[in-house]
Amino acid sequence: VFGNRRLGASLFLAATGAITLTKWDVNKTIFIINTAAQTITLPAVAQCPAGSRLYFVKTSSDAFAATLDGNASENIDGATTLATIDADNDCATLVSTGTEWIVISRDIT
């Protein structure tokens, strides 16, 4: 799983519809090309070792939010969702603490 980032692995999401990520998506750069509002459910923290990262980049100019949603009732920075990725080139990096996801960097316009 940790080799994904070293290998430059990336994932291009579908432009519409709900997306559920798995433990196999950690340490990848995830490109969001949504053309409508979209919810992206994160992998369960229990399946991702502490230190696992998710790198998100929005690559469409459509002004629709991509909402990151913790798996089940899991948190992202103490909230169940992160809904600020809505402009071209917005990006966020999340890391697993082993019990929740936290945002370690973001560039949101």
Foldseek 3Di string as FASTA:
>chain_A
DCCCLVVQHEAEDDQDDEAEDELVQWNHEYEHAHQAAYEYEYYALQSHPFFTKYKYFYAYQRQHWYKYAYDPQADEQNHRIDTQAGGHGWMWMWTRRSRHIYTPDTDGD
